[in-house]
Amino acid sequence: EGPFSDAIRRVVRVRGEVAIDVSAITLVDLRDRPTF
């Protein structure tokens, strides 16, 4: 939403083929802790 929704849609990019048909997702965060 919001005044920059089009900009966000234009820069987020998909590589490969996303094939998902679910009602539940497990999100696994591989990142380190946030920086200061």
Full PDB file with SEQRES, HELIX, SHEET, SSBOND, CRYST1, ORIGX, SCALE, CONECT and MASTER records, all heavy atoms in Angstrom:
SEQRES   1 A   36  GLU GLY PRO PHE SER ASP ALA ILE ARG ARG VAL VAL ARG          
SEQRES   2 A   36  VAL ARG GLY GLU VAL ALA ILE ASP VAL SER ALA ILE THR          
SEQRES   3 A   36  LEU VAL ASP LEU ARG ASP ARG PRO THR PHE                      
HELIX    1 AA1 SER A    5  VAL A   11  1                                   7    
CRYST1    1.000    1.000    1.000  90.00  90.00  90.00 P 1           1          
ORIGX1      1.000000  0.000000  0.000000        0.00000                         
ORIGX2      0.000000  1.000000  0.000000        0.00000                         
ORIGX3      0.000000  0.000000  1.000000        0.00000                         
SCALE1      1.000000  0.000000  0.000000        0.00000                         
SCALE2      0.000000  1.000000  0.000000        0.00000                         
SCALE3      0.000000  0.000000  1.000000        0.00000                         
ATOM      1  N   GLU A   1       0.825  -1.195   0.000  1.00  0.00           N  
ATOM      2  CA  GLU A   1       0.000   0.000   0.000  1.00  0.00           C  
ATOM      3  C   GLU A   1       0.860   1.246   0.000  1.00  0.00           C  
ATOM      4  O   GLU A   1       2.069   1.183   0.193  1.00  0.00           O  
ATOM      5  CB  GLU A   1      -0.909   0.012   1.237  1.00  0.00           C  
ATOM      6  CG  GLU A   1      -1.877  -1.150   1.310  1.00  0.00           C  
ATOM      7  CD  GLU A   1      -2.720  -1.108   2.571  1.00  0.00           C  
ATOM      8  OE1 GLU A   1      -2.283  -0.447   3.544  1.00  0.00           O  
ATOM      9  OE2 GLU A   1      -3.797  -1.711   2.592  1.00  0.00           O  
ATOM     10  N   GLY A   2       0.207   2.402  -0.152  1.00  0.00           N  
ATOM     11  CA  GLY A   2       0.880   3.673   0.016  1.00  0.00           C  
ATOM     12  C   GLY A   2       1.383   4.269  -1.278  1.00  0.00           C  
ATOM     13  O   GLY A   2       1.305   3.666  -2.352  1.00  0.00           O  
ATOM     14  N   PRO A   3       1.933   5.500  -1.198  1.00  0.00           N  
ATOM     15  CA  PRO A   3       2.338   6.236  -2.399  1.00  0.00           C  
ATOM     16  C   PRO A   3       3.499   5.602  -3.157  1.00  0.00           C  
ATOM     17  O   PRO A   3       3.721   5.941  -4.307  1.00  0.00           O  
ATOM     18  CB  PRO A   3       2.719   7.615  -1.855  1.00  0.00           C  
ATOM     19  CG  PRO A   3       3.037   7.385  -0.409  1.00  0.00           C  
ATOM     20  CD  PRO A   3       2.139   6.285   0.032  1.00  0.00           C  
ATOM     21  N   PHE A   4       4.231   4.675  -2.518  1.00  0.00           N  
ATOM     22  CA  PHE A   4       5.384   4.069  -3.194  1.00  0.00           C  
ATOM     23  C   PHE A   4       5.170   2.580  -3.480  1.00  0.00           C  
ATOM     24  O   PHE A   4       6.118   1.841  -3.694  1.00  0.00           O  
ATOM     25  CB  PHE A   4       6.650   4.289  -2.353  1.00  0.00           C  
ATOM     26  CG  PHE A   4       6.935   5.737  -2.114  1.00  0.00           C  
ATOM     27  CD1 PHE A   4       6.689   6.311  -0.869  1.00  0.00           C  
ATOM     28  CD2 PHE A   4       7.409   6.552  -3.132  1.00  0.00           C  
ATOM     29  CE1 PHE A   4       6.920   7.661  -0.649  1.00  0.00           C  
ATOM     30  CE2 PHE A   4       7.648   7.903  -2.925  1.00  0.00           C  
ATOM     31  CZ  PHE A   4       7.401   8.461  -1.684  1.00  0.00           C  
ATOM     32  N   SER A   5       3.905   2.162  -3.496  1.00  0.00           N  
ATOM     33  CA  SER A   5       3.619   0.747  -3.739  1.00  0.00           C  
ATOM     34  C   SER A   5       4.095   0.315  -5.120  1.00  0.00           C  
ATOM     35  O   SER A   5       4.625  -0.791  -5.288  1.00  0.00           O  
ATOM     36  CB  SER A   5       2.127   0.470  -3.565  1.00  0.00           C  
ATOM     37  OG  SER A   5       1.361   1.307  -4.425  1.00  0.00           O  
ATOM     38  N   ASP A   6       3.939   1.164  -6.106  1.00  0.00           N  
ATOM     39  CA  ASP A   6       4.389   0.802  -7.455  1.00  0.00           C  
ATOM     40  C   ASP A   6       5.904   0.653  -7.496  1.00  0.00           C  
ATOM     41  O   ASP A   6       6.429  -0.277  -8.127  1.00  0.00           O  
ATOM     42  CB  ASP A   6       3.940   1.852  -8.478  1.00  0.00           C  
ATOM     43  CG  ASP A   6       4.383   1.506  -9.893  1.00  0.00           C  
ATOM     44  OD1 ASP A   6       3.963   0.455 -10.407  1.00  0.00           O  
ATOM     45  OD2 ASP A   6       5.183   2.276 -10.468  1.00  0.00           O  
ATOM     46  N   ALA A   7       6.613   1.551  -6.816  1.00  0.00           N  
ATOM     47  CA  ALA A   7       8.079   1.459  -6.780  1.00  0.00           C  
ATOM     48  C   ALA A   7       8.525   0.160  -6.129  1.00  0.00           C  
ATOM     49  O   ALA A   7       9.444  -0.511  -6.622  1.00  0.00           O  
ATOM     50  CB  ALA A   7       8.659   2.657  -6.032  1.00  0.00           C  
ATOM     51  N   ILE A   8       7.874  -0.230  -5.046  1.00  0.00           N  
ATOM     52  CA  ILE A   8       8.228  -1.481  -4.365  1.00  0.00           C  
ATOM     53  C   ILE A   8       7.987  -2.667  -5.296  1.00  0.00           C  
ATOM     54  O   ILE A   8       8.810  -3.588  -5.400  1.00  0.00           O  
ATOM     55  CB  ILE A   8       7.427  -1.638  -3.057  1.00  0.00           C  
ATOM     56  CG1 ILE A   8       7.819  -0.549  -2.040  1.00  0.00           C  
ATOM     57  CG2 ILE A   8       7.618  -3.033  -2.471  1.00  0.00           C  
ATOM     58  CD1 ILE A   8       9.244  -0.650  -1.547  1.00  0.00           C  
ATOM     59  N   ARG A   9       6.863  -2.666  -5.979  1.00  0.00           N  
ATOM     60  CA  ARG A   9       6.569  -3.779  -6.887  1.00  0.00           C  
ATOM     61  C   ARG A   9       7.582  -3.859  -8.022  1.00  0.00           C  
ATOM     62  O   ARG A   9       7.916  -4.949  -8.489  1.00  0.00           O  
ATOM     63  CB  ARG A   9       5.159  -3.629  -7.453  1.00  0.00           C  
ATOM     64  CG  ARG A   9       4.060  -3.862  -6.435  1.00  0.00           C  
ATOM     65  CD  ARG A   9       2.684  -3.970  -7.092  1.00  0.00           C  
ATOM     66  NE  ARG A   9       1.663  -4.222  -6.091  1.00  0.00           N  
ATOM     67  CZ  ARG A   9       0.894  -3.279  -5.560  1.00  0.00           C  
ATOM     68  NH1 ARG A   9       1.027  -2.021  -5.948  1.00  0.00           N  
ATOM     69  NH2 ARG A   9       0.007  -3.589  -4.639  1.00  0.00           N  
ATOM     70  N   ARG A  10       8.077  -2.731  -8.448  1.00  0.00           N  
ATOM     71  CA  ARG A  10       9.000  -2.733  -9.589  1.00  0.00           C  
ATOM     72  C   ARG A  10      10.392  -3.229  -9.220  1.00  0.00           C  
ATOM     73  O   ARG A  10      11.090  -3.780 -10.064  1.00  0.00           O  
ATOM     74  CB  ARG A  10       9.097  -1.319 -10.187  1.00  0.00           C  
ATOM     75  CG  ARG A  10       7.833  -0.884 -10.916  1.00  0.00           C  
ATOM     76  CD  ARG A  10       7.909   0.570 -11.318  1.00  0.00           C  
ATOM     77  NE  ARG A  10       8.980   0.808 -12.280  1.00  0.00           N  
ATOM     78  CZ  ARG A  10       9.392   2.011 -12.650  1.00  0.00           C  
ATOM     79  NH1 ARG A  10       8.844   3.085 -12.092  1.00  0.00           N  
ATOM     80  NH2 ARG A  10      10.348   2.150 -13.545  1.00  0.00           N  
ATOM     81  N   VAL A  11      10.818  -3.039  -7.969  1.00  0.00           N  
ATOM     82  CA  VAL A  11      12.201  -3.402  -7.623  1.00  0.00           C  
ATOM     83  C   VAL A  11      12.327  -4.779  -6.984  1.00  0.00           C  
ATOM     84  O   VAL A  11      13.414  -5.345  -6.972  1.00  0.00           O  
ATOM     85  CB  VAL A  11      12.867  -2.355  -6.698  1.00  0.00           C  
ATOM     86  CG1 VAL A  11      12.949  -1.013  -7.389  1.00  0.00           C  
ATOM     87  CG2 VAL A  11      12.148  -2.233  -5.374  1.00  0.00           C  
ATOM     88  N   VAL A  12      11.257  -5.314  -6.441  1.00  0.00           N  
ATOM     89  CA  VAL A  12      11.326  -6.666  -5.878  1.00  0.00           C  
ATOM     90  C   VAL A  12      11.289  -7.665  -7.034  1.00  0.00           C  
ATOM     91  O   VAL A  12      10.381  -7.643  -7.852  1.00  0.00           O  
ATOM     92  CB  VAL A  12      10.170  -6.930  -4.891  1.00  0.00           C  
ATOM     93  CG1 VAL A  12      10.170  -8.387  -4.432  1.00  0.00           C  
ATOM     94  CG2 VAL A  12      10.298  -6.000  -3.683  1.00  0.00           C  
ATOM     95  N   ARG A  13      12.278  -8.516  -7.078  1.00  0.00           N  
ATOM     96  CA  ARG A  13      12.516  -9.360  -8.253  1.00  0.00           C  
ATOM     97  C   ARG A  13      12.435 -10.838  -7.905  1.00  0.00           C  
ATOM     98  O   ARG A  13      12.922 -11.265  -6.859  1.00  0.00           O  
ATOM     99  CB  ARG A  13      13.901  -9.035  -8.807  1.00  0.00           C  
ATOM    100  CG  ARG A  13      14.356  -9.938  -9.923  1.00  0.00           C  
ATOM    101  CD  ARG A  13      15.766  -9.589 -10.301  1.00  0.00           C  
ATOM    102  NE  ARG A  13      16.239 -10.443 -11.379  1.00  0.00           N  
ATOM    103  CZ  ARG A  13      17.458 -10.396 -11.870  1.00  0.00           C  
ATOM    104  NH1 ARG A  13      18.336  -9.543 -11.388  1.00  0.00           N  
ATOM    105  NH2 ARG A  13      17.812 -11.199 -12.850  1.00  0.00           N  
ATOM    106  N   VAL A  14      11.858 -11.618  -8.806  1.00  0.00           N  
ATOM    107  CA  VAL A  14      11.747 -13.058  -8.611  1.00  0.00           C  
ATOM    108  C   VAL A  14      12.720 -13.777  -9.540  1.00  0.00           C  
ATOM    109  O   VAL A  14      12.725 -13.549 -10.743  1.00  0.00           O  
ATOM    110  CB  VAL A  14      10.313 -13.543  -8.894  1.00  0.00           C  
ATOM    111  CG1 VAL A  14      10.223 -15.060  -8.709  1.00  0.00           C  
ATOM    112  CG2 VAL A  14       9.320 -12.830  -7.991  1.00  0.00           C  
ATOM    113  N   ARG A  15      13.556 -14.636  -8.957  1.00  0.00           N  
ATOM    114  CA  ARG A  15      14.464 -15.488  -9.736  1.00  0.00           C  
ATOM    115  C   ARG A  15      13.943 -16.913  -9.665  1.00  0.00           C  
ATOM    116  O   ARG A  15      13.752 -17.439  -8.569  1.00  0.00           O  
ATOM    117  CB  ARG A  15      15.877 -15.493  -9.142  1.00  0.00           C  
ATOM    118  CG  ARG A  15      16.631 -14.184  -9.167  1.00  0.00           C  
ATOM    119  CD  ARG A  15      17.896 -14.382  -8.345  1.00  0.00           C  
ATOM    120  NE  ARG A  15      18.731 -13.202  -8.314  1.00  0.00           N  
ATOM    121  CZ  ARG A  15      19.826 -13.040  -9.052  1.00  0.00           C  
ATOM    122  NH1 ARG A  15      20.213 -14.012  -9.863  1.00  0.00           N  
ATOM    123  NH2 ARG A  15      20.540 -11.943  -8.979  1.00  0.00           N  
ATOM    124  N   GLY A  16      13.793 -17.547 -10.800  1.00  0.00           N  
ATOM    125  CA  GLY A  16      13.320 -18.913 -10.803  1.00  0.00           C  
ATOM    126  C   GLY A  16      11.816 -18.972 -10.746  1.00  0.00           C  
ATOM    127  O   GLY A  16      11.110 -17.996 -11.021  1.00  0.00           O  
ATOM    128  N   GLU A  17      11.287 -20.117 -10.363  1.00  0.00           N  
ATOM    129  CA  GLU A  17       9.854 -20.365 -10.387  1.00  0.00           C  
ATOM    130  C   GLU A  17       9.348 -20.640  -8.982  1.00  0.00           C  
ATOM    131  O   GLU A  17       9.738 -21.615  -8.342  1.00  0.00           O  
ATOM    132  CB  GLU A  17       9.555 -21.561 -11.295  1.00  0.00           C  
ATOM    133  CG  GLU A  17       8.078 -21.826 -11.485  1.00  0.00           C  
ATOM    134  CD  GLU A  17       7.843 -22.906 -12.523  1.00  0.00           C  
ATOM    135  OE1 GLU A  17       8.307 -22.750 -13.670  1.00  0.00           O  
ATOM    136  OE2 GLU A  17       7.221 -23.924 -12.157  1.00  0.00           O  
ATOM    137  N   VAL A  18       8.502 -19.759  -8.487  1.00  0.00           N  
ATOM    138  CA  VAL A  18       7.900 -19.938  -7.177  1.00  0.00           C  
ATOM    139  C   VAL A  18       6.628 -20.753  -7.337  1.00  0.00           C  
ATOM    140  O   VAL A  18       5.656 -20.290  -7.927  1.00  0.00           O  
ATOM    141  CB  VAL A  18       7.594 -18.582  -6.516  1.00  0.00           C  
ATOM    142  CG1 VAL A  18       6.858 -18.786  -5.197  1.00  0.00           C  
ATOM    143  CG2 VAL A  18       8.873 -17.793  -6.294  1.00  0.00           C  
ATOM    144  N   ALA A  19       6.659 -21.968  -6.841  1.00  0.00           N  
ATOM    145  CA  ALA A  19       5.507 -22.860  -6.938  1.00  0.00           C  
ATOM    146  C   ALA A  19       5.083 -23.219  -5.523  1.00  0.00           C  
ATOM    147  O   ALA A  19       5.684 -24.070  -4.878  1.00  0.00           O  
ATOM    148  CB  ALA A  19       5.872 -24.113  -7.726  1.00  0.00           C  
ATOM    149  N   ILE A  20       4.060 -22.571  -5.041  1.00  0.00           N  
ATOM    150  CA  ILE A  20       3.649 -22.779  -3.657  1.00  0.00           C  
ATOM    151  C   ILE A  20       2.128 -22.827  -3.598  1.00  0.00           C  
ATOM    152  O   ILE A  20       1.440 -22.033  -4.243  1.00  0.00           O  
ATOM    153  CB  ILE A  20       4.214 -21.648  -2.758  1.00  0.00           C  
ATOM    154  CG1 ILE A  20       3.968 -21.955  -1.287  1.00  0.00           C  
ATOM    155  CG2 ILE A  20       3.678 -20.284  -3.160  1.00  0.00           C  
ATOM    156  CD1 ILE A  20       4.739 -21.031  -0.356  1.00  0.00           C  
ATOM    157  N   ASP A  21       1.593 -23.803  -2.894  1.00  0.00           N  
ATOM    158  CA  ASP A  21       0.147 -23.948  -2.756  1.00  0.00           C  
ATOM    159  C   ASP A  21      -0.134 -24.411  -1.331  1.00  0.00           C  
ATOM    160  O   ASP A  21      -0.341 -25.594  -1.069  1.00  0.00           O  
ATOM    161  CB  ASP A  21      -0.384 -24.949  -3.777  1.00  0.00           C  
ATOM    162  CG  ASP A  21      -1.905 -25.096  -3.678  1.00  0.00           C  
ATOM    163  OD1 ASP A  21      -2.540 -24.220  -3.063  1.00  0.00           O  
ATOM    164  OD2 ASP A  21      -2.435 -26.091  -4.203  1.00  0.00           O  
ATOM    165  N   VAL A  22      -0.073 -23.472  -0.395  1.00  0.00           N  
ATOM    166  CA  VAL A  22      -0.186 -23.813   1.021  1.00  0.00           C  
ATOM    167  C   VAL A  22      -1.043 -22.784   1.737  1.00  0.00           C  
ATOM    168  O   VAL A  22      -1.271 -21.688   1.242  1.00  0.00           O  
ATOM    169  CB  VAL A  22       1.203 -23.866   1.697  1.00  0.00           C  
ATOM    170  CG1 VAL A  22       2.071 -24.936   1.069  1.00  0.00           C  
ATOM    171  CG2 VAL A  22       1.892 -22.502   1.622  1.00  0.00           C  
ATOM    172  N   SER A  23      -1.490 -23.165   2.916  1.00  0.00           N  
ATOM    173  CA  SER A  23      -2.188 -22.216   3.791  1.00  0.00           C  
ATOM    174  C   SER A  23      -1.341 -21.893   5.017  1.00  0.00           C  
ATOM    175  O   SER A  23      -1.670 -20.993   5.779  1.00  0.00           O  
ATOM    176  CB  SER A  23      -3.531 -22.786   4.231  1.00  0.00           C  
ATOM    177  OG  SER A  23      -3.345 -24.004   4.933  1.00  0.00           O  
ATOM    178  N   ALA A  24      -0.228 -22.638   5.191  1.00  0.00           N  
ATOM    179  CA  ALA A  24       0.656 -22.428   6.341  1.00  0.00           C  
ATOM    180  C   ALA A  24       2.102 -22.353   5.868  1.00  0.00           C  
ATOM    181  O   ALA A  24       2.503 -23.066   4.941  1.00  0.00           O  
ATOM    182  CB  ALA A  24       0.499 -23.556   7.353  1.00  0.00           C  
ATOM    183  N   ILE A  25       2.872 -21.475   6.509  1.00  0.00           N  
ATOM    184  CA  ILE A  25       4.276 -21.271   6.142  1.00  0.00           C  
ATOM    185  C   ILE A  25       5.131 -21.337   7.399  1.00  0.00           C  
ATOM    186  O   ILE A  25       4.782 -20.756   8.439  1.00  0.00           O  
ATOM    187  CB  ILE A  25       4.474 -19.910   5.443  1.00  0.00           C  
ATOM    188  CG1 ILE A  25       3.977 -19.979   3.999  1.00  0.00           C  
ATOM    189  CG2 ILE A  25       5.933 -19.462   5.477  1.00  0.00           C  
ATOM    190  CD1 ILE A  25       4.039 -18.646   3.264  1.00  0.00           C  
ATOM    191  N   THR A  26       6.261 -22.054   7.287  1.00  0.00           N  
ATOM    192  CA  THR A  26       7.292 -21.967   8.313  1.00  0.00           C  
ATOM    193  C   THR A  26       8.393 -21.066   7.782  1.00  0.00           C  
ATOM    194  O   THR A  26       8.974 -21.344   6.732  1.00  0.00           O  
ATOM    195  CB  THR A  26       7.865 -23.347   8.668  1.00  0.00           C  
ATOM    196  OG1 THR A  26       6.831 -24.140   9.246  1.00  0.00           O  
ATOM    197  CG2 THR A  26       8.994 -23.211   9.677  1.00  0.00           C  
ATOM    198  N   LEU A  27       8.628 -19.972   8.496  1.00  0.00           N  
ATOM    199  CA  LEU A  27       9.640 -18.992   8.101  1.00  0.00           C  
ATOM    200  C   LEU A  27      10.915 -19.298   8.879  1.00  0.00           C  
ATOM    201  O   LEU A  27      10.933 -19.211  10.110  1.00  0.00           O  
ATOM    202  CB  LEU A  27       9.143 -17.579   8.415  1.00  0.00           C  
ATOM    203  CG  LEU A  27      10.070 -16.411   8.075  1.00  0.00           C  
ATOM    204  CD1 LEU A  27      10.267 -16.303   6.568  1.00  0.00           C  
ATOM    205  CD2 LEU A  27       9.492 -15.102   8.626  1.00  0.00           C  
ATOM    206  N   VAL A  28      11.980 -19.666   8.178  1.00  0.00           N  
ATOM    207  CA  VAL A  28      13.253 -19.999   8.802  1.00  0.00           C  
ATOM    208  C   VAL A  28      14.224 -18.846   8.558  1.00  0.00           C  
ATOM    209  O   VAL A  28      14.620 -18.587   7.423  1.00  0.00           O  
ATOM    210  CB  VAL A  28      13.835 -21.311   8.240  1.00  0.00           C  
ATOM    211  CG1 VAL A  28      15.128 -21.670   8.959  1.00  0.00           C  
ATOM    212  CG2 VAL A  28      12.823 -22.442   8.358  1.00  0.00           C  
ATOM    213  N   ASP A  29      14.579 -18.136   9.614  1.00  0.00           N  
ATOM    214  CA  ASP A  29      15.449 -16.969   9.505  1.00  0.00           C  
ATOM    215  C   ASP A  29      16.905 -17.412   9.625  1.00  0.00           C  
ATOM    216  O   ASP A  29      17.360 -17.830  10.690  1.00  0.00           O  
ATOM    217  CB  ASP A  29      15.102 -15.961  10.597  1.00  0.00           C  
ATOM    218  CG  ASP A  29      15.740 -14.601  10.371  1.00  0.00           C  
ATOM    219  OD1 ASP A  29      16.666 -14.500   9.548  1.00  0.00           O  
ATOM    220  OD2 ASP A  29      15.299 -13.635  11.027  1.00  0.00           O  
ATOM    221  N   LEU A  30      17.650 -17.317   8.523  1.00  0.00           N  
ATOM    222  CA  LEU A  30      19.049 -17.733   8.491  1.00  0.00           C  
ATOM    223  C   LEU A  30      20.013 -16.601   8.841  1.00  0.00           C  
ATOM    224  O   LEU A  30      21.223 -16.815   8.899  1.00  0.00           O  
ATOM    225  CB  LEU A  30      19.404 -18.260   7.089  1.00  0.00           C  
ATOM    226  CG  LEU A  30      18.612 -19.462   6.586  1.00  0.00           C  
ATOM    227  CD1 LEU A  30      18.997 -19.766   5.141  1.00  0.00           C  
ATOM    228  CD2 LEU A  30      18.850 -20.673   7.474  1.00  0.00           C  
ATOM    229  N   ARG A  31      19.500 -15.404   9.052  1.00  0.00           N  
ATOM    230  CA  ARG A  31      20.364 -14.241   9.225  1.00  0.00           C  
ATOM    231  C   ARG A  31      21.019 -14.206  10.604  1.00  0.00           C  
ATOM    232  O   ARG A  31      20.537 -14.825  11.554  1.00  0.00           O  
ATOM    233  CB  ARG A  31      19.560 -12.950   9.034  1.00  0.00           C  
ATOM    234  CG  ARG A  31      18.910 -12.811   7.679  1.00  0.00           C  
ATOM    235  CD  ARG A  31      17.980 -11.610   7.628  1.00  0.00           C  
ATOM    236  NE  ARG A  31      16.875 -11.759   8.580  1.00  0.00           N  
ATOM    237  CZ  ARG A  31      16.033 -10.780   8.901  1.00  0.00           C  
ATOM    238  NH1 ARG A  31      16.178  -9.582   8.349  1.00  0.00           N  
ATOM    239  NH2 ARG A  31      15.048 -11.003   9.757  1.00  0.00           N  
ATOM    240  N   ASP A  32      22.112 -13.432  10.708  1.00  0.00           N  
ATOM    241  CA  ASP A  32      22.697 -13.134  12.005  1.00  0.00           C  
ATOM    242  C   ASP A  32      21.808 -12.120  12.719  1.00  0.00           C  
ATOM    243  O   ASP A  32      20.854 -11.583  12.140  1.00  0.00           O  
ATOM    244  CB  ASP A  32      24.106 -12.557  11.835  1.00  0.00           C  
ATOM    245  CG  ASP A  32      25.078 -13.595  11.305  1.00  0.00           C  
ATOM    246  OD1 ASP A  32      25.020 -14.742  11.764  1.00  0.00           O  
ATOM    247  OD2 ASP A  32      25.885 -13.248  10.426  1.00  0.00           O  
ATOM    248  N   ARG A  33      22.138 -11.833  13.977  1.00  0.00           N  
ATOM    249  CA  ARG A  33      21.367 -10.833  14.718  1.00  0.00           C  
ATOM    250  C   ARG A  33      21.454  -9.480  14.008  1.00  0.00           C  
ATOM    251  O   ARG A  33      22.433  -9.190  13.322  1.00  0.00           O  
ATOM    252  CB  ARG A  33      21.888 -10.694  16.154  1.00  0.00           C  
ATOM    253  CG  ARG A  33      23.254 -10.045  16.255  1.00  0.00           C  
ATOM    254  CD  ARG A  33      23.669  -9.801  17.695  1.00  0.00           C  
ATOM    255  NE  ARG A  33      22.765  -8.919  18.388  1.00  0.00           N  
ATOM    256  CZ  ARG A  33      22.764  -7.585  18.248  1.00  0.00           C  
ATOM    257  NH1 ARG A  33      23.600  -7.001  17.419  1.00  0.00           N  
ATOM    258  NH2 ARG A  33      21.920  -6.857  18.946  1.00  0.00           N  
ATOM    259  N   PRO A  34      20.448  -8.632  14.153  1.00  0.00           N  
ATOM    260  CA  PRO A  34      20.506  -7.320  13.516  1.00  0.00           C  
ATOM    261  C   PRO A  34      21.708  -6.511  13.987  1.00  0.00           C  
ATOM    262  O   PRO A  34      22.150  -6.641  15.135  1.00  0.00           O  
ATOM    263  CB  PRO A  34      19.196  -6.653  13.973  1.00  0.00           C  
ATOM    264  CG  PRO A  34      18.309  -7.766  14.387  1.00  0.00           C  
ATOM    265  CD  PRO A  34      19.208  -8.836  14.909  1.00  0.00           C  
ATOM    266  N   THR A  35      22.249  -5.692  13.117  1.00  0.00           N  
ATOM    267  CA  THR A  35      23.348  -4.814  13.511  1.00  0.00           C  
ATOM    268  C   THR A  35      22.811  -3.684  14.385  1.00  0.00           C  
ATOM    269  O   THR A  35      21.608  -3.419  14.428  1.00  0.00           O  
ATOM    270  CB  THR A  35      24.032  -4.193  12.281  1.00  0.00           C  
ATOM    271  OG1 THR A  35      23.106  -3.299  11.626  1.00  0.00           O  
ATOM    272  CG2 THR A  35      24.472  -5.262  11.292  1.00  0.00           C  
ATOM    273  N   PHE A  36      23.720  -2.992  15.083  1.00  0.00           N  
ATOM    274  CA  PHE A  36      23.308  -1.839  15.878  1.00  0.00           C  
ATOM    275  C   PHE A  36      22.714  -0.750  14.992  1.00  0.00           C  
ATOM    276  O   PHE A  36      21.872   0.030  15.430  1.00  0.00           O  
ATOM    277  CB  PHE A  36      24.489  -1.278  16.663  1.00  0.00           C  
ATOM    278  CG  PHE A  36      24.844  -2.090  17.882  1.00  0.00           C  
ATOM    279  CD1 PHE A  36      26.052  -2.751  17.960  1.00  0.00           C  
ATOM    280  CD2 PHE A  36      23.961  -2.207  18.933  1.00  0.00           C  
ATOM    281  CE1 PHE A  36      26.390  -3.501  19.078  1.00  0.00           C  
ATOM    282  CE2 PHE A  36      24.264  -2.951  20.063  1.00  0.00           C  
ATOM    283  CZ  PHE A  36      25.491  -3.603  20.134  1.00  0.00           C  
TER     284      PHE A  36                                                      
MASTER        0    0    0    1    0    0    0    6  283    1    0    3          
END                                                                             
